[in-house]
Amino acid sequence: MIEVLYFAWLRERIGLPREKVETSALTVQALIEELAAREERYALAFSDISALRVALDQELAGFDSPLAGVREVAFFPPMTGG
């Protein structure tokens, strides 16, 4: 079981700030594919992953990162500003 957090417009599109997900995904990319296949609101939220960043247990990671041992996955848009 993995806790998945959604921030900014992802939260708005999906309609949830967080949820617990039972997954067999081995990588972040596979998790995204599982989530996007759920229903249209997830498909829309994950339709352009180039507009996303991901953190695993609060550490920035890549989409090819393994999920083994991960407790929390956070999806958010790139941060801007200064």
C-alpha atoms as a PDB file:
ATOM      1  CA  MET A   1       0.000   0.000   0.000  1.00  0.00           C
ATOM      2  CA  ILE A   2       1.379   3.383  -1.037  1.00  0.00           C
ATOM      3  CA  GLU A   3       0.145   6.834  -0.014  1.00  0.00           C
ATOM      4  CA  VAL A   4      -0.203   8.991  -3.140  1.00  0.00           C
ATOM      5  CA  LEU A   5      -0.329  12.778  -2.764  1.00  0.00           C
ATOM      6  CA  TYR A   6      -1.554  15.202  -5.423  1.00  0.00           C
ATOM      7  CA  PHE A   7      -0.689  18.914  -5.423  1.00  0.00           C
ATOM      8  CA  ALA A   8      -1.866  22.029  -7.293  1.00  0.00           C
ATOM      9  CA  TRP A   9      -3.834  21.365 -10.494  1.00  0.00           C
ATOM     10  CA  LEU A  10      -3.418  17.593 -10.109  1.00  0.00           C
ATOM     11  CA  ARG A  11      -5.443  17.779  -6.901  1.00  0.00           C
ATOM     12  CA  GLU A  12      -8.080  19.861  -8.693  1.00  0.00           C
ATOM     13  CA  ARG A  13      -8.352  17.464 -11.654  1.00  0.00           C
ATOM     14  CA  ILE A  14      -8.433  14.293  -9.553  1.00  0.00           C
ATOM     15  CA  GLY A  15     -10.500  15.802  -6.754  1.00  0.00           C
ATOM     16  CA  LEU A  16      -8.412  14.365  -3.921  1.00  0.00           C
ATOM     17  CA  PRO A  17      -5.413  15.663  -1.976  1.00  0.00           C
ATOM     18  CA  ARG A  18      -4.231  12.107  -1.183  1.00  0.00           C
ATOM     19  CA  GLU A  19      -5.247   8.471  -1.262  1.00  0.00           C
ATOM     20  CA  LYS A  20      -3.920   5.062  -0.337  1.00  0.00           C
ATOM     21  CA  VAL A  21      -3.277   2.933  -3.416  1.00  0.00           C
ATOM     22  CA  GLU A  22      -2.842  -0.816  -3.646  1.00  0.00           C
ATOM     23  CA  THR A  23      -0.458  -1.306  -6.555  1.00  0.00           C
ATOM     24  CA  SER A  24       1.670  -3.922  -8.243  1.00  0.00           C
ATOM     25  CA  ALA A  25       3.638  -1.205 -10.099  1.00  0.00           C
ATOM     26  CA  LEU A  26       7.401  -1.581  -9.944  1.00  0.00           C
ATOM     27  CA  THR A  27       8.240   1.974 -11.060  1.00  0.00           C
ATOM     28  CA  VAL A  28       6.730   5.456 -10.877  1.00  0.00           C
ATOM     29  CA  GLN A  29       5.906   5.242 -14.598  1.00  0.00           C
ATOM     30  CA  ALA A  30       3.984   1.981 -14.065  1.00  0.00           C
ATOM     31  CA  LEU A  31       2.082   3.577 -11.181  1.00  0.00           C
ATOM     32  CA  ILE A  32       1.143   6.518 -13.416  1.00  0.00           C
ATOM     33  CA  GLU A  33      -0.117   4.083 -16.045  1.00  0.00           C
ATOM     34  CA  GLU A  34      -2.217   2.248 -13.429  1.00  0.00           C
ATOM     35  CA  LEU A  35      -3.680   5.501 -12.120  1.00  0.00           C
ATOM     36  CA  ALA A  36      -4.382   6.903 -15.603  1.00  0.00           C
ATOM     37  CA  ALA A  37      -6.261   3.712 -16.501  1.00  0.00           C
ATOM     38  CA  ARG A  38      -8.652   4.109 -13.542  1.00  0.00           C
ATOM     39  CA  GLU A  39     -10.969   6.733 -14.983  1.00  0.00           C
ATOM     40  CA  GLU A  40     -11.025   9.895 -17.075  1.00  0.00           C
ATOM     41  CA  ARG A  41     -10.103  12.367 -14.315  1.00  0.00           C
ATOM     42  CA  TYR A  42      -6.865  10.454 -13.662  1.00  0.00           C
ATOM     43  CA  ALA A  43      -6.189  10.091 -17.394  1.00  0.00           C
ATOM     44  CA  LEU A  44      -6.515  13.878 -17.770  1.00  0.00           C
ATOM     45  CA  ALA A  45      -4.300  14.592 -14.775  1.00  0.00           C
ATOM     46  CA  PHE A  46      -1.529  12.329 -16.081  1.00  0.00           C
ATOM     47  CA  SER A  47      -1.937  13.056 -19.803  1.00  0.00           C
ATOM     48  CA  ASP A  48       1.282  15.113 -19.971  1.00  0.00           C
ATOM     49  CA  ILE A  49       3.887  13.845 -17.540  1.00  0.00           C
ATOM     50  CA  SER A  50       6.438  16.321 -18.871  1.00  0.00           C
ATOM     51  CA  ALA A  51       4.450  18.857 -16.806  1.00  0.00           C
ATOM     52  CA  LEU A  52       4.936  16.785 -13.620  1.00  0.00           C
ATOM     53  CA  ARG A  53       7.535  16.150 -10.977  1.00  0.00           C
ATOM     54  CA  VAL A  54       7.550  13.291  -8.501  1.00  0.00           C
ATOM     55  CA  ALA A  55       8.953  12.764  -5.026  1.00  0.00           C
ATOM     56  CA  LEU A  56       9.354   9.399  -3.315  1.00  0.00           C
ATOM     57  CA  ASP A  57       9.304   9.617   0.476  1.00  0.00           C
ATOM     58  CA  GLN A  58       9.929  13.383   0.100  1.00  0.00           C
ATOM     59  CA  GLU A  59      12.976  12.997  -2.187  1.00  0.00           C
ATOM     60  CA  LEU A  60      12.810  14.152  -5.816  1.00  0.00           C
ATOM     61  CA  ALA A  61      12.893  11.174  -8.164  1.00  0.00           C
ATOM     62  CA  GLY A  62      12.538  10.201 -11.796  1.00  0.00           C
ATOM     63  CA  PHE A  63       9.674   8.393 -13.474  1.00  0.00           C
ATOM     64  CA  ASP A  64      11.857   5.297 -13.905  1.00  0.00           C
ATOM     65  CA  SER A  65      12.554   5.115 -10.161  1.00  0.00           C
ATOM     66  CA  PRO A  66      11.617   1.845  -8.446  1.00  0.00           C
ATOM     67  CA  LEU A  67       8.801   1.802  -5.896  1.00  0.00           C
ATOM     68  CA  ALA A  68      10.208  -1.022  -3.748  1.00  0.00           C
ATOM     69  CA  GLY A  69      10.065   0.072  -0.103  1.00  0.00           C
ATOM     70  CA  VAL A  70       8.468   3.441  -0.925  1.00  0.00           C
ATOM     71  CA  ARG A  71       5.708   4.582   1.431  1.00  0.00           C
ATOM     72  CA  GLU A  72       4.750   7.903  -0.167  1.00  0.00           C
ATOM     73  CA  VAL A  73       4.595   9.159  -3.757  1.00  0.00           C
ATOM     74  CA  ALA A  74       3.861  12.855  -4.365  1.00  0.00           C
ATOM     75  CA  PHE A  75       2.978  14.298  -7.767  1.00  0.00           C
ATOM     76  CA  PHE A  76       3.225  18.052  -8.370  1.00  0.00           C
ATOM     77  CA  PRO A  77       3.925  20.560 -11.141  1.00  0.00           C
ATOM     78  CA  PRO A  78       7.411  22.080 -11.413  1.00  0.00           C
ATOM     79  CA  MET A  79       7.970  24.869  -8.923  1.00  0.00           C
ATOM     80  CA  THR A  80       8.603  28.342 -10.244  1.00  0.00           C
ATOM     81  CA  GLY A  81       9.400  31.677  -8.743  1.00  0.00           C
ATOM     82  CA  GLY A  82      12.101  33.002  -6.575  1.00  0.00           C
END
